[in-house]
Amino acid sequence: MAGRAVWQRRVGEGRSRRALRSLRGGRRGAQPKVVALGGGMGLSASLTALRRITGDLTAVVTVADDGGSSGRLRDELGVLPPGDLRKALAALCGDDEWGRTWSEVVQHRFKSGGALHDHAVGNLLIVALWEQLGDHVQALDLVGKLLGAHGRVLPMSAVPLELEAVVRGHDPAAPHRLSKVRGQATVALTPGEVRRVMLVPPDPPAVPEAVEAVLDADWVVLGPGSWFSSVIPHLLVPRLLDALTRTQARKVLSVNLAPQPGETDGFSPQRHVEVLVQHAPKLAFDVVLADRAAVPDQDSLGRAAERLGATVELAPVAASGGVPRHDPELLAAAYDRIFRMHGRIGPWR
């Protein structure tokens, strides 16, 4: 059975890659307007895939990071944490020499025994332009132009946010007690079970350009990524949630390949969907995308997706090698198939 499963997966991967090559050689002018929401490496995976199938792409990025270089810049200068914004810009760089070079430059971290240690070049560049221009969106657009980014990057809010979580069993000596922890870095590694997350301040303003992008989109993609610290926070910004609820765009929820130690330890694919429903019970989706090999109980995932008004699409989207990460071409092929099967027929707008 194991050999047959591997063979079936390889067949699926081959079909997906052939479909993507066909896409590259086919459709030219017809491109969907796509908005991808998230943060960190999960959003980077989506953007790296999506830029292969559309030139009209906007990333809306969480701004609650408080660790590493971003946390230090945030504490010292009072700015938005730039790290997830930098990662999104790097993911939108092209596969040519210019794109690869600039992607590596902005991701480069200094190694020293001094104050610059572990600061990312892109973080410093973004913060410098924020100070020079006094405008978050204008500065990020300028960095994107410099990098030749295949899309636009926007923060979800114009104020730095803190993440607060209700955790059961944070203290191992009291496994049933509920307690609160604060800070994205703390939530990501917390022992116990995260039950709910909130933002501080509780009603942050959304960036108007992010709201406009969601309302004007053909497709909105949420996830994959750190579920409580990068994905769900978008649903806690009132105007952004309102836009996600009101938009005429079709919506895809892209489920993680595996649980994240600490934050979602032991979560099944359907549990990811269930906690999202708990945080935004009125928000509907059209499709829940999951890797076929990562879903042991398809019926349970199907029932969870029904609570979102969605159908489940299973596709081989994981890279080989055993480490849970997405293959950009396989993920691109899956998104393209969903857009064509569930979207408009003929040219986009």
Protein backbone atom coordinates (compact mmCIF):
# COMPACT_ATOMS: atom_id res chain seq x y z
CA MET A 1 0.00 0.00 0.00
CA ALA A 2 2.83 2.39 0.84
CA GLY A 3 4.40 1.89 -2.59
CA ARG A 4 1.06 2.48 -4.32
CA ALA A 5 0.48 5.66 -2.28
CA VAL A 6 3.89 7.03 -3.29
CA TRP A 7 3.18 6.15 -6.95
CA GLN A 8 -0.21 7.89 -6.80
CA ARG A 9 1.34 10.97 -5.24
CA ARG A 10 4.01 11.15 -7.93
CA VAL A 11 1.38 10.84 -10.63
CA GLY A 12 -0.54 13.69 -9.00
CA GLU A 13 2.59 15.83 -8.79
CA GLY A 14 3.39 15.16 -12.44
CA ARG A 15 -0.09 16.17 -13.56
CA SER A 16 0.05 19.34 -11.44
CA ARG A 17 3.44 20.37 -12.84
CA ARG A 18 2.30 19.69 -16.42
CA ALA A 19 -0.82 21.79 -15.82
CA LEU A 20 1.29 24.68 -14.56
CA ARG A 21 3.64 24.48 -17.56
CA SER A 22 0.58 24.53 -19.80
CA LEU A 23 -0.71 27.58 -17.96
CA ARG A 24 2.58 29.42 -18.44
CA GLY A 25 2.48 28.79 -22.13
CA GLY A 26 -1.21 29.64 -22.48
CA ARG A 27 -3.15 32.42 -20.75
CA ARG A 28 -1.55 35.84 -21.11
CA GLY A 29 -3.82 38.82 -20.63
CA ALA A 30 -6.48 37.16 -18.47
CA GLN A 31 -5.31 37.36 -14.87
CA PRO A 32 -7.32 37.26 -11.64
CA LYS A 33 -6.94 39.93 -8.99
CA VAL A 34 -5.73 38.00 -5.97
CA VAL A 35 -5.25 39.10 -2.36
CA ALA A 36 -3.29 36.81 -0.03
CA LEU A 37 -3.44 37.31 3.74
CA GLY A 38 -1.13 35.92 6.40
CA GLY A 39 2.41 36.30 7.64
CA GLY A 40 5.77 34.61 7.95
CA MET A 41 6.80 31.59 5.91
CA GLY A 42 3.22 30.47 5.27
CA LEU A 43 2.35 33.67 3.41
CA SER A 44 5.71 33.52 1.62
CA ALA A 45 4.78 30.06 0.33
CA SER A 46 1.45 31.32 -1.02
CA LEU A 47 3.01 34.38 -2.66
CA THR A 48 5.80 32.39 -4.28
CA ALA A 49 3.11 30.17 -5.81
CA LEU A 50 0.60 32.88 -6.70
CA ARG A 51 3.08 35.12 -8.51
CA ARG A 52 3.51 32.26 -10.97
CA ILE A 53 -0.12 32.47 -12.07
CA THR A 54 -1.11 36.15 -11.80
CA GLY A 55 0.52 39.54 -12.15
CA ASP A 56 -2.23 41.24 -10.11
CA LEU A 57 -1.30 40.16 -6.59
CA THR A 58 -1.52 41.93 -3.23
CA ALA A 59 -0.24 40.63 0.10
CA VAL A 60 -1.89 41.82 3.32
CA VAL A 61 0.47 41.08 6.19
CA THR A 62 0.03 40.76 9.95
CA VAL A 63 1.90 43.30 12.13
CA ALA A 64 1.95 41.67 15.55
CA ASP A 65 5.50 40.26 15.47
CA ASP A 66 7.50 41.11 18.59
CA GLY A 67 10.52 38.83 18.33
CA GLY A 68 13.98 38.97 16.78
CA SER A 69 15.07 41.90 14.62
CA SER A 70 11.48 43.09 14.16
CA GLY A 71 10.85 43.16 17.90
CA ARG A 72 14.04 45.11 18.57
CA LEU A 73 13.22 47.73 15.92
CA ARG A 74 9.66 47.94 17.18
CA ASP A 75 10.80 48.49 20.78
CA GLU A 76 13.53 50.98 19.92
CA LEU A 77 11.78 53.05 17.24
CA GLY A 78 8.06 52.46 17.84
CA VAL A 79 7.54 51.27 14.26
CA LEU A 80 5.50 48.47 12.76
CA PRO A 81 7.42 45.19 12.89
CA PRO A 82 8.92 44.95 9.37
CA GLY A 83 9.94 41.27 9.31
CA ASP A 84 6.83 39.64 7.83
CA LEU A 85 6.50 42.51 5.35
CA ARG A 86 10.13 41.90 4.28
CA LYS A 87 9.50 38.18 3.83
CA ALA A 88 6.48 38.90 1.66
CA LEU A 89 8.48 41.28 -0.54
CA ALA A 90 11.26 38.71 -0.90
CA ALA A 91 8.71 36.05 -1.90
CA LEU A 92 7.41 38.34 -4.65
CA CYS A 93 10.86 38.70 -6.22
CA GLY A 94 11.17 37.00 -9.60
CA ASP A 95 13.19 33.94 -10.53
CA ASP A 96 15.60 35.91 -12.76
CA GLU A 97 19.03 37.09 -11.62
CA TRP A 98 17.71 40.49 -10.44
CA GLY A 99 14.95 38.91 -8.38
CA ARG A 100 17.14 36.23 -6.83
CA THR A 101 19.84 38.76 -5.95
CA TRP A 102 17.51 41.21 -4.26
CA SER A 103 15.62 38.47 -2.46
CA GLU A 104 18.91 37.29 -0.93
CA VAL A 105 19.98 40.86 -0.08
CA VAL A 106 16.82 41.83 1.81
CA GLN A 107 16.84 38.51 3.66
CA HIS A 108 20.53 38.80 4.61
CA ARG A 109 21.21 39.04 8.35
CA PHE A 110 24.30 40.61 9.88
CA LYS A 111 26.45 38.43 12.11
CA SER A 112 28.52 40.29 14.68
CA GLY A 113 29.13 40.78 18.34
CA GLY A 114 27.49 44.20 18.28
CA ALA A 115 24.14 45.92 17.97
CA LEU A 116 23.65 44.96 14.31
CA HIS A 117 23.75 41.23 15.06
CA ASP A 118 20.82 39.35 13.49
CA HIS A 119 19.23 42.45 11.98
CA ALA A 120 17.94 41.77 8.45
CA VAL A 121 18.97 44.21 5.72
CA GLY A 122 15.40 44.43 4.46
CA ASN A 123 14.09 45.36 7.91
CA LEU A 124 16.50 48.30 8.11
CA LEU A 125 15.67 49.40 4.57
CA ILE A 126 11.92 49.35 5.19
CA VAL A 127 12.17 51.23 8.50
CA ALA A 128 14.51 53.83 6.94
CA LEU A 129 11.99 54.53 4.19
CA TRP A 130 9.16 54.75 6.71
CA GLU A 131 11.12 57.44 8.53
CA GLN A 132 12.04 59.23 5.30
CA LEU A 133 8.60 59.19 3.70
CA GLY A 134 6.31 59.07 6.73
CA ASP A 135 3.96 56.71 4.88
CA HIS A 136 3.88 52.94 5.36
CA VAL A 137 2.24 52.11 2.05
CA GLN A 138 4.31 54.49 -0.08
CA ALA A 139 7.53 53.15 1.44
CA LEU A 140 6.58 49.51 0.85
CA ASP A 141 5.58 50.30 -2.73
CA LEU A 142 8.99 51.89 -3.25
CA VAL A 143 10.82 48.86 -1.85
CA GLY A 144 8.72 46.63 -4.09
CA LYS A 145 9.66 48.75 -7.11
CA LEU A 146 13.35 48.50 -6.21
CA LEU A 147 13.12 44.72 -5.90
CA GLY A 148 11.03 44.30 -9.04
CA ALA A 149 8.39 42.59 -6.89
CA HIS A 150 5.61 40.79 -8.75
CA GLY A 151 2.87 42.28 -6.60
CA ARG A 152 2.17 44.68 -3.77
CA VAL A 153 2.70 44.31 -0.01
CA LEU A 154 0.49 46.06 2.56
CA PRO A 155 0.29 45.90 6.36
CA MET A 156 -3.11 44.87 7.72
CA SER A 157 -3.02 47.75 10.23
CA ALA A 158 -1.06 50.98 10.52
CA VAL A 159 -0.36 50.54 14.25
CA PRO A 160 1.87 47.93 15.93
CA LEU A 161 -0.29 45.23 17.48
CA GLU A 162 0.17 42.81 20.33
CA LEU A 163 -1.23 39.31 20.35
CA GLU A 164 -2.88 37.98 23.49
CA ALA A 165 -4.01 34.37 23.88
CA VAL A 166 -6.18 32.40 26.26
CA VAL A 167 -4.32 29.14 26.92
CA ARG A 168 -5.46 26.05 28.75
CA GLY A 169 -2.71 24.28 30.65
CA HIS A 170 -0.05 26.94 30.16
CA ASP A 171 1.14 25.87 33.60
CA PRO A 172 1.81 22.11 33.38
CA ALA A 173 1.00 21.82 37.08
CA ALA A 174 -2.56 23.05 36.34
CA PRO A 175 -3.51 21.39 33.03
CA HIS A 176 -7.13 22.58 33.07
CA ARG A 177 -6.58 26.17 34.18
CA LEU A 178 -7.13 28.98 31.67
CA SER A 179 -4.54 31.75 31.61
CA LYS A 180 -3.55 34.62 29.33
CA VAL A 181 -0.20 35.05 27.59
CA ARG A 182 0.86 38.05 25.55
CA GLY A 183 3.18 38.48 22.60
CA GLN A 184 3.35 36.70 19.25
CA ALA A 185 6.67 35.03 20.02
CA THR A 186 5.26 33.76 23.34
CA VAL A 187 2.01 32.51 21.78
CA ALA A 188 3.91 30.68 19.03
CA LEU A 189 5.83 28.59 21.56
CA THR A 190 3.38 28.39 24.43
CA PRO A 191 2.88 25.10 26.26
CA GLY A 192 -0.75 24.12 26.65
CA GLU A 193 -3.65 24.55 24.24
CA VAL A 194 -4.40 27.93 22.68
CA ARG A 195 -8.18 28.43 22.91
CA ARG A 196 -8.57 31.95 21.62
CA VAL A 197 -6.51 34.95 20.52
CA MET A 198 -7.18 38.68 20.75
CA LEU A 199 -5.40 41.80 19.54
CA VAL A 200 -4.20 44.68 21.68
CA PRO A 201 -5.56 47.28 21.00
CA PRO A 202 -8.80 45.31 20.48
CA ASP A 203 -10.19 47.37 17.57
CA PRO A 204 -7.17 48.36 15.47
CA PRO A 205 -7.62 50.46 12.34
CA ALA A 206 -7.19 48.65 9.04
CA VAL A 207 -4.98 50.09 6.31
CA PRO A 208 -7.47 51.56 3.79
CA GLU A 209 -5.55 50.18 0.79
CA ALA A 210 -5.80 46.67 2.28
CA VAL A 211 -9.57 47.01 2.67
CA GLU A 212 -9.89 48.31 -0.91
CA ALA A 213 -7.79 45.45 -2.26
CA VAL A 214 -10.02 42.84 -0.57
CA LEU A 215 -13.21 44.50 -1.84
CA ASP A 216 -11.83 44.72 -5.39
CA ALA A 217 -10.39 41.19 -5.56
CA ASP A 218 -11.50 38.25 -7.67
CA TRP A 219 -9.97 35.80 -5.18
CA VAL A 220 -8.86 36.05 -1.55
CA VAL A 221 -6.47 33.45 -0.11
CA LEU A 222 -6.08 33.06 3.66
CA GLY A 223 -3.31 30.82 5.00
CA PRO A 224 -1.26 28.75 5.28
CA GLY A 225 0.83 29.93 8.23
CA SER A 226 1.04 30.07 12.00
CA TRP A 227 -2.67 29.71 12.65
CA PHE A 228 -3.14 31.79 15.79
CA SER A 229 -0.32 34.30 15.28
CA SER A 230 -0.36 34.93 11.50
CA VAL A 231 -3.67 33.76 10.01
CA ILE A 232 -6.47 34.44 12.50
CA PRO A 233 -5.25 37.98 13.47
CA HIS A 234 -6.55 39.28 10.12
CA LEU A 235 -10.06 38.35 11.27
CA LEU A 236 -9.65 40.44 14.44
CA VAL A 237 -9.28 43.77 12.59
CA PRO A 238 -12.91 44.95 12.34
CA ARG A 239 -12.80 46.78 8.99
CA LEU A 240 -10.74 44.04 7.40
CA LEU A 241 -13.15 41.35 8.62
CA ASP A 242 -16.05 43.46 7.32
CA ALA A 243 -14.36 43.68 3.92
CA LEU A 244 -13.74 39.92 3.88
CA THR A 245 -17.41 39.36 4.69
CA ARG A 246 -18.75 41.83 2.12
CA THR A 247 -16.39 41.24 -0.80
CA GLN A 248 -17.72 39.60 -3.95
CA ALA A 249 -14.41 37.76 -4.28
CA ARG A 250 -14.31 34.00 -3.92
CA LYS A 251 -12.25 32.84 -0.95
CA VAL A 252 -9.79 30.00 -0.36
CA LEU A 253 -8.65 28.80 3.05
CA SER A 254 -5.30 27.05 2.67
CA VAL A 255 -4.73 24.63 5.55
CA ASN A 256 -1.30 23.89 7.00
CA LEU A 257 0.60 20.75 6.10
CA ALA A 258 1.22 19.83 9.74
CA PRO A 259 0.56 21.08 13.27
CA GLN A 260 2.97 23.69 14.60
CA PRO A 261 4.73 22.63 17.80
CA GLY A 262 3.41 24.73 20.67
CA GLU A 263 0.85 26.89 18.89
CA THR A 264 -1.24 24.16 17.25
CA ASP A 265 0.35 21.02 18.67
CA GLY A 266 -1.85 18.01 17.91
CA PHE A 267 -4.24 19.91 15.60
CA SER A 268 -5.89 17.98 12.80
CA PRO A 269 -6.75 19.77 9.52
CA GLN A 270 -10.39 20.00 10.63
CA ARG A 271 -9.39 21.49 13.99
CA HIS A 272 -7.64 24.33 12.13
CA VAL A 273 -10.93 25.05 10.36
CA GLU A 274 -12.98 24.80 13.55
CA VAL A 275 -10.95 27.37 15.49
CA LEU A 276 -11.14 29.78 12.58
CA VAL A 277 -14.92 29.44 12.62
CA GLN A 278 -14.90 30.19 16.36
CA HIS A 279 -13.07 33.46 15.75
CA ALA A 280 -15.16 34.58 12.75
CA PRO A 281 -18.44 32.62 12.74
CA LYS A 282 -20.07 34.72 10.00
CA LEU A 283 -17.19 34.53 7.52
CA ALA A 284 -17.78 32.17 4.59
CA PHE A 285 -15.29 30.57 2.22
CA ASP A 286 -15.69 28.82 -1.11
CA VAL A 287 -12.83 26.32 -0.94
CA VAL A 288 -10.69 24.71 1.74
CA LEU A 289 -7.39 23.56 0.20
CA ALA A 290 -5.40 20.80 1.89
CA ASP A 291 -2.64 18.40 0.96
CA ARG A 292 -4.11 15.00 0.24
CA ALA A 293 -1.44 13.14 2.23
CA ALA A 294 -1.99 15.36 5.30
CA VAL A 295 -5.72 14.56 5.66
CA PRO A 296 -6.28 11.17 7.32
CA ASP A 297 -10.00 11.84 7.85
CA GLN A 298 -11.54 13.44 4.77
CA ASP A 299 -15.10 13.18 6.09
CA SER A 300 -14.28 15.20 9.23
CA LEU A 301 -12.56 17.89 7.19
CA GLY A 302 -15.54 17.99 4.85
CA ARG A 303 -17.94 18.54 7.75
CA ALA A 304 -15.73 21.33 9.16
CA ALA A 305 -15.56 22.98 5.72
CA GLU A 306 -19.35 22.90 5.46
CA ARG A 307 -19.50 25.23 8.47
CA LEU A 308 -17.67 27.76 6.29
CA GLY A 309 -19.95 27.08 3.34
CA ALA A 310 -16.94 25.60 1.54
CA THR A 311 -16.02 22.51 -0.41
CA VAL A 312 -12.71 20.69 0.12
CA GLU A 313 -10.04 20.48 -2.57
CA LEU A 314 -7.32 17.91 -1.93
CA ALA A 315 -4.14 18.23 -3.97
CA PRO A 316 -0.47 17.26 -3.69
CA VAL A 317 1.07 20.56 -2.59
CA ALA A 318 3.83 19.43 -0.21
CA ALA A 319 7.50 19.33 -1.19
CA SER A 320 9.29 15.99 -1.04
CA GLY A 321 11.93 15.33 1.59
CA GLY A 322 9.87 14.88 4.73
CA VAL A 323 10.02 18.49 5.99
CA PRO A 324 6.51 20.01 5.99
CA ARG A 325 6.84 22.81 3.42
CA HIS A 326 4.95 23.67 0.26
CA ASP A 327 6.28 23.05 -3.22
CA PRO A 328 5.79 26.38 -5.07
CA GLU A 329 4.90 24.82 -8.43
CA LEU A 330 2.53 22.26 -6.98
CA LEU A 331 0.82 24.93 -4.87
CA ALA A 332 0.59 27.23 -7.89
CA ALA A 333 -1.01 24.47 -9.94
CA ALA A 334 -3.53 23.80 -7.15
CA TYR A 335 -4.47 27.49 -6.87
CA ASP A 336 -4.79 27.82 -10.64
CA ARG A 337 -7.03 24.76 -10.86
CA ILE A 338 -9.25 26.15 -8.07
CA PHE A 339 -9.45 29.58 -9.70
CA ARG A 340 -10.49 28.06 -13.03
CA MET A 341 -12.91 25.48 -11.61
CA HIS A 342 -14.65 27.73 -9.11
CA GLY A 343 -14.20 31.16 -10.69
CA ARG A 344 -15.41 33.02 -13.70
CA ILE A 345 -15.40 31.48 -17.13
CA GLY A 346 -13.43 33.38 -19.77
CA PRO A 347 -11.28 36.53 -19.36
CA TRP A 348 -10.92 38.08 -15.92
CA ARG A 349 -12.64 41.44 -15.72
